[in-house]
Amino acid sequence: MRQIKHPTIDQVELTDIMYALADPTRLEIVTLLAKAGRKMTCGEIDLNRPKSSMSHHFKILRSAGLVETLIEGTEHMNSLRLEEIEQKYPGVLNAVLKATAKS
């Protein structure tokens, strides 16, 4: 089984999180995962973008430490690392998600 590399929470930097969230597509992915409150496949997150584009966005989200992707059979299951991010940077991700809900 192929493993996908993720940074540990100690390696996650606030600047990387903010960079990742600065892109509207990545912000939309994070918002969808937060609203779902569960793991989602890449296919469930349909933003009418090419697969290569979505793969790029997920790679940046994983590198920033926002998203964890696990391979289960043939599916890539994505989840938001909300609790870990909240522990390291209290209130940051929740404030961003709250702000996007208002717009």
PDB file of N, CA and C in Angstrom:
ATOM      1  N   MET A   1       0.839  -1.183   0.000  1.00  0.00           N
ATOM      2  CA  MET A   1       0.000   0.000   0.000  1.00  0.00           C
ATOM      3  C   MET A   1       0.885   1.247   0.000  1.00  0.00           C
ATOM      4  N   ARG A   2       0.562   2.180  -0.864  1.00  0.00           N
ATOM      5  CA  ARG A   2       1.310   3.423  -0.957  1.00  0.00           C
ATOM      6  C   ARG A   2       0.907   4.376   0.166  1.00  0.00           C
ATOM      7  N   GLN A   3       1.887   4.983   0.777  1.00  0.00           N
ATOM      8  CA  GLN A   3       1.638   5.956   1.840  1.00  0.00           C
ATOM      9  C   GLN A   3       1.871   7.358   1.300  1.00  0.00           C
ATOM     10  N   ILE A   4       1.101   8.292   1.782  1.00  0.00           N
ATOM     11  CA  ILE A   4       1.276   9.696   1.413  1.00  0.00           C
ATOM     12  C   ILE A   4       1.926  10.401   2.592  1.00  0.00           C
ATOM     13  N   LYS A   5       2.962  11.189   2.318  1.00  0.00           N
ATOM     14  CA  LYS A   5       3.668  11.888   3.391  1.00  0.00           C
ATOM     15  C   LYS A   5       2.883  13.110   3.861  1.00  0.00           C
ATOM     16  N   HIS A   6       2.862  13.269   5.169  1.00  0.00           N
ATOM     17  CA  HIS A   6       2.231  14.423   5.805  1.00  0.00           C
ATOM     18  C   HIS A   6       3.206  14.991   6.828  1.00  0.00           C
ATOM     19  N   PRO A   7       3.216  16.297   7.016  1.00  0.00           N
ATOM     20  CA  PRO A   7       4.061  16.850   8.074  1.00  0.00           C
ATOM     21  C   PRO A   7       3.471  16.515   9.448  1.00  0.00           C
ATOM     22  N   THR A   8       4.341  16.358  10.422  1.00  0.00           N
ATOM     23  CA  THR A   8       3.842  16.217  11.785  1.00  0.00           C
ATOM     24  C   THR A   8       3.302  17.582  12.205  1.00  0.00           C
ATOM     25  N   ILE A   9       2.515  17.602  13.244  1.00  0.00           N
ATOM     26  CA  ILE A   9       1.945  18.876  13.689  1.00  0.00           C
ATOM     27  C   ILE A   9       3.056  19.831  14.135  1.00  0.00           C
ATOM     28  N   ASP A  10       4.171  19.310  14.615  1.00  0.00           N
ATOM     29  CA  ASP A  10       5.300  20.166  15.002  1.00  0.00           C
ATOM     30  C   ASP A  10       5.934  20.853  13.797  1.00  0.00           C
ATOM     31  N   GLN A  11       5.806  20.254  12.617  1.00  0.00           N
ATOM     32  CA  GLN A  11       6.375  20.825  11.399  1.00  0.00           C
ATOM     33  C   GLN A  11       5.444  21.827  10.719  1.00  0.00           C
ATOM     34  N   VAL A  12       4.204  21.889  11.164  1.00  0.00           N
ATOM     35  CA  VAL A  12       3.219  22.782  10.544  1.00  0.00           C
ATOM     36  C   VAL A  12       3.490  24.217  10.968  1.00  0.00           C
ATOM     37  N   GLU A  13       3.609  25.092   9.970  1.00  0.00           N
ATOM     38  CA  GLU A  13       3.879  26.510  10.221  1.00  0.00           C
ATOM     39  C   GLU A  13       2.655  27.344   9.844  1.00  0.00           C
ATOM     40  N   LEU A  14       2.405  28.372  10.610  1.00  0.00           N
ATOM     41  CA  LEU A  14       1.267  29.252  10.365  1.00  0.00           C
ATOM     42  C   LEU A  14       1.350  29.897   8.982  1.00  0.00           C
ATOM     43  N   THR A  15       2.538  30.276   8.558  1.00  0.00           N
ATOM     44  CA  THR A  15       2.686  30.902   7.236  1.00  0.00           C
ATOM     45  C   THR A  15       2.277  29.941   6.118  1.00  0.00           C
ATOM     46  N   ASP A  16       2.565  28.648   6.286  1.00  0.00           N
ATOM     47  CA  ASP A  16       2.168  27.656   5.283  1.00  0.00           C
ATOM     48  C   ASP A  16       0.644  27.487   5.249  1.00  0.00           C
ATOM     49  N   ILE A  17       0.037  27.510   6.418  1.00  0.00           N
ATOM     50  CA  ILE A  17      -1.423  27.406   6.498  1.00  0.00           C
ATOM     51  C   ILE A  17      -2.067  28.597   5.795  1.00  0.00           C
ATOM     52  N   MET A  18      -1.587  29.789   6.088  1.00  0.00           N
ATOM     53  CA  MET A  18      -2.178  30.985   5.498  1.00  0.00           C
ATOM     54  C   MET A  18      -1.954  31.027   3.989  1.00  0.00           C
ATOM     55  N   TYR A  19      -0.782  30.585   3.531  1.00  0.00           N
ATOM     56  CA  TYR A  19      -0.522  30.519   2.096  1.00  0.00           C
ATOM     57  C   TYR A  19      -1.514  29.561   1.424  1.00  0.00           C
ATOM     58  N   ALA A  20      -1.701  28.401   2.024  1.00  0.00           N
ATOM     59  CA  ALA A  20      -2.613  27.412   1.451  1.00  0.00           C
ATOM     60  C   ALA A  20      -4.044  27.937   1.393  1.00  0.00           C
ATOM     61  N   LEU A  21      -4.455  28.643   2.422  1.00  0.00           N
ATOM     62  CA  LEU A  21      -5.828  29.150   2.483  1.00  0.00           C
ATOM     63  C   LEU A  21      -6.042  30.407   1.646  1.00  0.00           C
ATOM     64  N   ALA A  22      -4.974  30.995   1.130  1.00  0.00           N
ATOM     65  CA  ALA A  22      -5.100  32.213   0.317  1.00  0.00           C
ATOM     66  C   ALA A  22      -5.691  31.934  -1.063  1.00  0.00           C
ATOM     67  N   ASP A  23      -5.668  30.691  -1.494  1.00  0.00           N
ATOM     68  CA  ASP A  23      -6.218  30.325  -2.793  1.00  0.00           C
ATOM     69  C   ASP A  23      -7.698  29.968  -2.644  1.00  0.00           C
ATOM     70  N   PRO A  24      -8.576  30.548  -3.457  1.00  0.00           N
ATOM     71  CA  PRO A  24     -10.017  30.294  -3.329  1.00  0.00           C
ATOM     72  C   PRO A  24     -10.412  28.819  -3.471  1.00  0.00           C
ATOM     73  N   THR A  25      -9.756  28.087  -4.336  1.00  0.00           N
ATOM     74  CA  THR A  25     -10.085  26.673  -4.513  1.00  0.00           C
ATOM     75  C   THR A  25      -9.721  25.879  -3.266  1.00  0.00           C
ATOM     76  N   ARG A  26      -8.547  26.137  -2.730  1.00  0.00           N
ATOM     77  CA  ARG A  26      -8.134  25.411  -1.520  1.00  0.00           C
ATOM     78  C   ARG A  26      -9.004  25.799  -0.328  1.00  0.00           C
ATOM     79  N   LEU A  27      -9.376  27.051  -0.254  1.00  0.00           N
ATOM     80  CA  LEU A  27     -10.276  27.484   0.819  1.00  0.00           C
ATOM     81  C   LEU A  27     -11.623  26.784   0.693  1.00  0.00           C
ATOM     82  N   GLU A  28     -12.091  26.615  -0.521  1.00  0.00           N
ATOM     83  CA  GLU A  28     -13.357  25.915  -0.744  1.00  0.00           C
ATOM     84  C   GLU A  28     -13.252  24.439  -0.346  1.00  0.00           C
ATOM     85  N   ILE A  29     -12.130  23.808  -0.647  1.00  0.00           N
ATOM     86  CA  ILE A  29     -11.921  22.413  -0.254  1.00  0.00           C
ATOM     87  C   ILE A  29     -11.957  22.288   1.265  1.00  0.00           C
ATOM     88  N   VAL A  30     -11.233  23.159   1.949  1.00  0.00           N
ATOM     89  CA  VAL A  30     -11.184  23.130   3.418  1.00  0.00           C
ATOM     90  C   VAL A  30     -12.576  23.379   3.997  1.00  0.00           C
ATOM     91  N   THR A  31     -13.320  24.314   3.425  1.00  0.00           N
ATOM     92  CA  THR A  31     -14.675  24.615   3.891  1.00  0.00           C
ATOM     93  C   THR A  31     -15.595  23.407   3.719  1.00  0.00           C
ATOM     94  N   LEU A  32     -15.501  22.739   2.576  1.00  0.00           N
ATOM     95  CA  LEU A  32     -16.322  21.543   2.342  1.00  0.00           C
ATOM     96  C   LEU A  32     -15.989  20.436   3.331  1.00  0.00           C
ATOM     97  N   LEU A  33     -14.709  20.220   3.580  1.00  0.00           N
ATOM     98  CA  LEU A  33     -14.312  19.194   4.549  1.00  0.00           C
ATOM     99  C   LEU A  33     -14.787  19.542   5.956  1.00  0.00           C
ATOM    100  N   ALA A  34     -14.705  20.811   6.312  1.00  0.00           N
ATOM    101  CA  ALA A  34     -15.153  21.240   7.643  1.00  0.00           C
ATOM    102  C   ALA A  34     -16.656  21.052   7.800  1.00  0.00           C
ATOM    103  N   LYS A  35     -17.416  21.445   6.774  1.00  0.00           N
ATOM    104  CA  LYS A  35     -18.875  21.291   6.834  1.00  0.00           C
ATOM    105  C   LYS A  35     -19.284  19.836   6.894  1.00  0.00           C
ATOM    106  N   ALA A  36     -18.574  18.980   6.153  1.00  0.00           N
ATOM    107  CA  ALA A  36     -18.908  17.554   6.137  1.00  0.00           C
ATOM    108  C   ALA A  36     -18.598  16.911   7.485  1.00  0.00           C
ATOM    109  N   GLY A  37     -17.510  17.327   8.114  1.00  0.00           N
ATOM    110  CA  GLY A  37     -17.142  16.758   9.406  1.00  0.00           C
ATOM    111  C   GLY A  37     -16.757  15.291   9.333  1.00  0.00           C
ATOM    112  N   ARG A  38     -16.344  14.839   8.152  1.00  0.00           N
ATOM    113  CA  ARG A  38     -15.970  13.437   7.966  1.00  0.00           C
ATOM    114  C   ARG A  38     -14.954  13.356   6.836  1.00  0.00           C
ATOM    115  N   LYS A  39     -14.399  12.163   6.650  1.00  0.00           N
ATOM    116  CA  LYS A  39     -13.503  11.937   5.522  1.00  0.00           C
ATOM    117  C   LYS A  39     -14.307  11.997   4.233  1.00  0.00           C
ATOM    118  N   MET A  40     -13.698  12.570   3.209  1.00  0.00           N
ATOM    119  CA  MET A  40     -14.345  12.639   1.899  1.00  0.00           C
ATOM    120  C   MET A  40     -13.373  12.177   0.824  1.00  0.00           C
ATOM    121  N   THR A  41     -13.905  11.515  -0.193  1.00  0.00           N
ATOM    122  CA  THR A  41     -13.073  11.129  -1.325  1.00  0.00           C
ATOM    123  C   THR A  41     -12.852  12.350  -2.210  1.00  0.00           C
ATOM    124  N   CYS A  42     -11.830  12.271  -3.041  1.00  0.00           N
ATOM    125  CA  CYS A  42     -11.567  13.359  -3.984  1.00  0.00           C
ATOM    126  C   CYS A  42     -12.765  13.554  -4.910  1.00  0.00           C
ATOM    127  N   GLY A  43     -13.426  12.456  -5.279  1.00  0.00           N
ATOM    128  CA  GLY A  43     -14.592  12.534  -6.159  1.00  0.00           C
ATOM    129  C   GLY A  43     -15.772  13.251  -5.526  1.00  0.00           C
ATOM    130  N   GLU A  44     -15.899  13.179  -4.218  1.00  0.00           N
ATOM    131  CA  GLU A  44     -16.998  13.862  -3.527  1.00  0.00           C
ATOM    132  C   GLU A  44     -16.797  15.377  -3.508  1.00  0.00           C
ATOM    133  N   ILE A  45     -15.555  15.786  -3.628  1.00  0.00           N
ATOM    134  CA  ILE A  45     -15.250  17.215  -3.602  1.00  0.00           C
ATOM    135  C   ILE A  45     -15.158  17.671  -5.053  1.00  0.00           C
ATOM    136  N   ASP A  46     -16.295  17.832  -5.665  1.00  0.00           N
ATOM    137  CA  ASP A  46     -16.372  18.169  -7.080  1.00  0.00           C
ATOM    138  C   ASP A  46     -16.494  19.675  -7.241  1.00  0.00           C
ATOM    139  N   LEU A  47     -15.426  20.290  -7.681  1.00  0.00           N
ATOM    140  CA  LEU A  47     -15.415  21.745  -7.850  1.00  0.00           C
ATOM    141  C   LEU A  47     -15.300  22.131  -9.320  1.00  0.00           C
ATOM    142  N   ASN A  48     -15.638  21.196 -10.208  1.00  0.00           N
ATOM    143  CA  ASN A  48     -15.570  21.425 -11.659  1.00  0.00           C
ATOM    144  C   ASN A  48     -14.194  21.915 -12.103  1.00  0.00           C
ATOM    145  N   ARG A  49     -13.167  21.310 -11.535  1.00  0.00           N
ATOM    146  CA  ARG A  49     -11.792  21.618 -11.905  1.00  0.00           C
ATOM    147  C   ARG A  49     -11.154  20.345 -12.457  1.00  0.00           C
ATOM    148  N   PRO A  50     -10.144  20.465 -13.320  1.00  0.00           N
ATOM    149  CA  PRO A  50      -9.455  19.276 -13.820  1.00  0.00           C
ATOM    150  C   PRO A  50      -8.834  18.473 -12.671  1.00  0.00           C
ATOM    151  N   LYS A  51      -8.751  17.168 -12.850  1.00  0.00           N
ATOM    152  CA  LYS A  51      -8.188  16.294 -11.823  1.00  0.00           C
ATOM    153  C   LYS A  51      -6.766  16.718 -11.455  1.00  0.00           C
ATOM    154  N   SER A  52      -5.983  17.113 -12.458  1.00  0.00           N
ATOM    155  CA  SER A  52      -4.602  17.531 -12.190  1.00  0.00           C
ATOM    156  C   SER A  52      -4.563  18.781 -11.308  1.00  0.00           C
ATOM    157  N   SER A  53      -5.488  19.678 -11.531  1.00  0.00           N
ATOM    158  CA  SER A  53      -5.579  20.897 -10.728  1.00  0.00           C
ATOM    159  C   SER A  53      -5.955  20.556  -9.282  1.00  0.00           C
ATOM    160  N   MET A  54      -6.925  19.664  -9.123  1.00  0.00           N
ATOM    161  CA  MET A  54      -7.343  19.271  -7.782  1.00  0.00           C
ATOM    162  C   MET A  54      -6.210  18.546  -7.052  1.00  0.00           C
ATOM    163  N   SER A  55      -5.473  17.701  -7.761  1.00  0.00           N
ATOM    164  CA  SER A  55      -4.334  17.002  -7.150  1.00  0.00           C
ATOM    165  C   SER A  55      -3.310  18.005  -6.638  1.00  0.00           C
ATOM    166  N   HIS A  56      -3.059  19.031  -7.420  1.00  0.00           N
ATOM    167  CA  HIS A  56      -2.124  20.089  -7.022  1.00  0.00           C
ATOM    168  C   HIS A  56      -2.597  20.784  -5.743  1.00  0.00           C
ATOM    169  N   HIS A  57      -3.878  21.121  -5.695  1.00  0.00           N
ATOM    170  CA  HIS A  57      -4.416  21.806  -4.515  1.00  0.00           C
ATOM    171  C   HIS A  57      -4.356  20.913  -3.272  1.00  0.00           C
ATOM    172  N   PHE A  58      -4.678  19.636  -3.431  1.00  0.00           N
ATOM    173  CA  PHE A  58      -4.592  18.720  -2.290  1.00  0.00           C
ATOM    174  C   PHE A  58      -3.149  18.570  -1.815  1.00  0.00           C
ATOM    175  N   LYS A  59      -2.204  18.553  -2.729  1.00  0.00           N
ATOM    176  CA  LYS A  59      -0.788  18.450  -2.355  1.00  0.00           C
ATOM    177  C   LYS A  59      -0.378  19.645  -1.502  1.00  0.00           C
ATOM    178  N   ILE A  60      -0.796  20.835  -1.889  1.00  0.00           N
ATOM    179  CA  ILE A  60      -0.458  22.034  -1.110  1.00  0.00           C
ATOM    180  C   ILE A  60      -1.134  21.997   0.258  1.00  0.00           C
ATOM    181  N   LEU A  61      -2.386  21.561   0.306  1.00  0.00           N
ATOM    182  CA  LEU A  61      -3.096  21.467   1.584  1.00  0.00           C
ATOM    183  C   LEU A  61      -2.430  20.441   2.510  1.00  0.00           C
ATOM    184  N   ARG A  62      -1.986  19.329   1.935  1.00  0.00           N
ATOM    185  CA  ARG A  62      -1.281  18.326   2.740  1.00  0.00           C
ATOM    186  C   ARG A  62       0.059  18.872   3.228  1.00  0.00           C
ATOM    187  N   SER A  63       0.801  19.516   2.340  1.00  0.00           N
ATOM    188  CA  SER A  63       2.109  20.068   2.710  1.00  0.00           C
ATOM    189  C   SER A  63       1.995  21.118   3.808  1.00  0.00           C
ATOM    190  N   ALA A  64       0.914  21.864   3.792  1.00  0.00           N
ATOM    191  CA  ALA A  64       0.684  22.884   4.821  1.00  0.00           C
ATOM    192  C   ALA A  64       0.223  22.273   6.137  1.00  0.00           C
ATOM    193  N   GLY A  65      -0.160  20.998   6.100  1.00  0.00           N
ATOM    194  CA  GLY A  65      -0.615  20.321   7.314  1.00  0.00           C
ATOM    195  C   GLY A  65      -2.099  20.452   7.580  1.00  0.00           C
ATOM    196  N   LEU A  66      -2.845  20.985   6.633  1.00  0.00           N
ATOM    197  CA  LEU A  66      -4.282  21.186   6.830  1.00  0.00           C
ATOM    198  C   LEU A  66      -5.107  19.931   6.581  1.00  0.00           C
ATOM    199  N   VAL A  67      -4.670  19.135   5.631  1.00  0.00           N
ATOM    200  CA  VAL A  67      -5.446  17.968   5.209  1.00  0.00           C
ATOM    201  C   VAL A  67      -4.601  16.710   5.343  1.00  0.00           C
ATOM    202  N   GLU A  68      -5.249  15.645   5.771  1.00  0.00           N
ATOM    203  CA  GLU A  68      -4.620  14.330   5.810  1.00  0.00           C
ATOM    204  C   GLU A  68      -5.322  13.464   4.774  1.00  0.00           C
ATOM    205  N   THR A  69      -4.548  12.780   3.949  1.00  0.00           N
ATOM    206  CA  THR A  69      -5.097  11.907   2.926  1.00  0.00           C
ATOM    207  C   THR A  69      -4.633  10.484   3.197  1.00  0.00           C
ATOM    208  N   LEU A  70      -5.594   9.600   3.367  1.00  0.00           N
ATOM    209  CA  LEU A  70      -5.311   8.185   3.577  1.00  0.00           C
ATOM    210  C   LEU A  70      -5.834   7.401   2.393  1.00  0.00           C
ATOM    211  N   ILE A  71      -5.069   6.396   1.980  1.00  0.00           N
ATOM    212  CA  ILE A  71      -5.490   5.555   0.873  1.00  0.00           C
ATOM    213  C   ILE A  71      -6.197   4.335   1.456  1.00  0.00           C
ATOM    214  N   GLU A  72      -7.466   4.180   1.084  1.00  0.00           N
ATOM    215  CA  GLU A  72      -8.274   3.045   1.520  1.00  0.00           C
ATOM    216  C   GLU A  72      -8.742   2.316   0.268  1.00  0.00           C
ATOM    217  N   GLY A  73      -8.066   1.238  -0.058  1.00  0.00           N
ATOM    218  CA  GLY A  73      -8.374   0.526  -1.296  1.00  0.00           C
ATOM    219  C   GLY A  73      -7.972   1.383  -2.476  1.00  0.00           C
ATOM    220  N   THR A  74      -8.946   1.717  -3.307  1.00  0.00           N
ATOM    221  CA  THR A  74      -8.669   2.568  -4.463  1.00  0.00           C
ATOM    222  C   THR A  74      -9.033   4.027  -4.205  1.00  0.00           C
ATOM    223  N   GLU A  75      -9.565   4.316  -3.044  1.00  0.00           N
ATOM    224  CA  GLU A  75     -10.014   5.675  -2.724  1.00  0.00           C
ATOM    225  C   GLU A  75      -8.977   6.447  -1.914  1.00  0.00           C
ATOM    226  N   HIS A  76      -8.889   7.721  -2.196  1.00  0.00           N
ATOM    227  CA  HIS A  76      -8.094   8.647  -1.381  1.00  0.00           C
ATOM    228  C   HIS A  76      -9.074   9.374  -0.470  1.00  0.00           C
ATOM    229  N   MET A  77      -8.975   9.101   0.820  1.00  0.00           N
ATOM    230  CA  MET A  77      -9.882   9.693   1.795  1.00  0.00           C
ATOM    231  C   MET A  77      -9.198  10.897   2.450  1.00  0.00           C
ATOM    232  N   ASN A  78      -9.856  12.034   2.345  1.00  0.00           N
ATOM    233  CA  ASN A  78      -9.299  13.300   2.836  1.00  0.00           C
ATOM    234  C   ASN A  78     -10.048  13.770   4.067  1.00  0.00           C
ATOM    235  N   SER A  79      -9.295  14.214   5.059  1.00  0.00           N
ATOM    236  CA  SER A  79      -9.917  14.778   6.252  1.00  0.00           C
ATOM    237  C   SER A  79      -9.149  16.024   6.682  1.00  0.00           C
ATOM    238  N   LEU A  80      -9.863  16.916   7.311  1.00  0.00           N
ATOM    239  CA  LEU A  80      -9.288  18.160   7.812  1.00  0.00           C
ATOM    240  C   LEU A  80      -8.641  17.880   9.168  1.00  0.00           C
ATOM    241  N   ARG A  81      -7.455  18.393   9.380  1.00  0.00           N
ATOM    242  CA  ARG A  81      -6.743  18.191  10.647  1.00  0.00           C
ATOM    243  C   ARG A  81      -7.125  19.300  11.638  1.00  0.00           C
ATOM    244  N   LEU A  82      -8.410  19.514  11.779  1.00  0.00           N
ATOM    245  CA  LEU A  82      -8.937  20.634  12.558  1.00  0.00           C
ATOM    246  C   LEU A  82      -8.489  20.603  14.016  1.00  0.00           C
ATOM    247  N   GLU A  83      -8.600  19.455  14.673  1.00  0.00           N
ATOM    248  CA  GLU A  83      -8.247  19.383  16.095  1.00  0.00           C
ATOM    249  C   GLU A  83      -6.766  19.652  16.330  1.00  0.00           C
ATOM    250  N   GLU A  84      -5.915  19.084  15.477  1.00  0.00           N
ATOM    251  CA  GLU A  84      -4.474  19.297  15.624  1.00  0.00           C
ATOM    252  C   GLU A  84      -4.099  20.759  15.381  1.00  0.00           C
ATOM    253  N   ILE A  85      -4.692  21.340  14.333  1.00  0.00           N
ATOM    254  CA  ILE A  85      -4.415  22.750  14.021  1.00  0.00           C
ATOM    255  C   ILE A  85      -4.923  23.643  15.155  1.00  0.00           C
ATOM    256  N   GLU A  86      -6.071  23.312  15.683  1.00  0.00           N
ATOM    257  CA  GLU A  86      -6.654  24.083  16.781  1.00  0.00           C
ATOM    258  C   GLU A  86      -5.751  24.054  18.018  1.00  0.00           C
ATOM    259  N   GLN A  87      -5.154  22.905  18.286  1.00  0.00           N
ATOM    260  CA  GLN A  87      -4.263  22.799  19.449  1.00  0.00           C
ATOM    261  C   GLN A  87      -3.011  23.653  19.264  1.00  0.00           C
ATOM    262  N   LYS A  88      -2.458  23.650  18.047  1.00  0.00           N
ATOM    263  CA  LYS A  88      -1.220  24.397  17.817  1.00  0.00           C
ATOM    264  C   LYS A  88      -1.471  25.889  17.615  1.00  0.00           C
ATOM    265  N   TYR A  89      -2.529  26.206  16.867  1.00  0.00           N
ATOM    266  CA  TYR A  89      -2.859  27.610  16.575  1.00  0.00           C
ATOM    267  C   TYR A  89      -4.327  27.853  16.940  1.00  0.00           C
ATOM    268  N   PRO A  90      -4.605  28.024  18.224  1.00  0.00           N
ATOM    269  CA  PRO A  90      -5.990  28.148  18.676  1.00  0.00           C
ATOM    270  C   PRO A  90      -6.762  29.260  17.974  1.00  0.00           C
ATOM    271  N   GLY A  91      -7.911  28.897  17.447  1.00  0.00           N
ATOM    272  CA  GLY A  91      -8.832  29.867  16.868  1.00  0.00           C
ATOM    273  C   GLY A  91      -8.570  30.266  15.427  1.00  0.00           C
ATOM    274  N   VAL A  92      -7.402  29.967  14.890  1.00  0.00           N
ATOM    275  CA  VAL A  92      -7.050  30.451  13.551  1.00  0.00           C
ATOM    276  C   VAL A  92      -7.951  29.842  12.485  1.00  0.00           C
ATOM    277  N   LEU A  93      -7.996  28.532  12.422  1.00  0.00           N
ATOM    278  CA  LEU A  93      -8.777  27.883  11.374  1.00  0.00           C
ATOM    279  C   LEU A  93     -10.273  28.121  11.573  1.00  0.00           C
ATOM    280  N   ASN A  94     -10.707  28.105  12.813  1.00  0.00           N
ATOM    281  CA  ASN A  94     -12.128  28.377  13.071  1.00  0.00           C
ATOM    282  C   ASN A  94     -12.511  29.803  12.653  1.00  0.00           C
ATOM    283  N   ALA A  95     -11.615  30.762  12.864  1.00  0.00           N
ATOM    284  CA  ALA A  95     -11.885  32.144  12.464  1.00  0.00           C
ATOM    285  C   ALA A  95     -11.988  32.248  10.943  1.00  0.00           C
ATOM    286  N   VAL A  96     -11.111  31.552  10.235  1.00  0.00           N
ATOM    287  CA  VAL A  96     -11.158  31.566   8.766  1.00  0.00           C
ATOM    288  C   VAL A  96     -12.444  30.939   8.276  1.00  0.00           C
ATOM    289  N   LEU A  97     -12.807  29.801   8.847  1.00  0.00           N
ATOM    290  CA  LEU A  97     -14.042  29.120   8.432  1.00  0.00           C
ATOM    291  C   LEU A  97     -15.282  29.952   8.749  1.00  0.00           C
ATOM    292  N   LYS A  98     -15.262  30.607   9.891  1.00  0.00           N
ATOM    293  CA  LYS A  98     -16.387  31.479  10.258  1.00  0.00           C
ATOM    294  C   LYS A  98     -16.500  32.657   9.285  1.00  0.00           C
ATOM    295  N   ALA A  99     -15.378  33.232   8.911  1.00  0.00           N
ATOM    296  CA  ALA A  99     -15.370  34.356   7.989  1.00  0.00           C
ATOM    297  C   ALA A  99     -15.882  33.942   6.613  1.00  0.00           C
ATOM    298  N   THR A 100     -15.546  32.741   6.159  1.00  0.00           N
ATOM    299  CA  THR A 100     -16.013  32.285   4.857  1.00  0.00           C
ATOM    300  C   THR A 100     -17.506  31.996   4.874  1.00  0.00           C
ATOM    301  N   ALA A 101     -18.016  31.607   6.026  1.00  0.00           N
ATOM    302  CA  ALA A 101     -19.449  31.334   6.143  1.00  0.00           C
ATOM    303  C   ALA A 101     -20.267  32.615   6.016  1.00  0.00           C
ATOM    304  N   LYS A 102     -19.688  33.742   6.397  1.00  0.00           N
ATOM    305  CA  LYS A 102     -20.387  35.021   6.321  1.00  0.00           C
ATOM    306  C   LYS A 102     -20.397  35.602   4.919  1.00  0.00           C
ATOM    307  N   SER A 103     -19.423  35.194   4.090  1.00  0.00           N
ATOM    308  CA  SER A 103     -19.341  35.790   2.757  1.00  0.00           C
ATOM    309  C   SER A 103     -20.164  35.043   1.733  1.00  0.00           C
TER     310      SER A 103
END
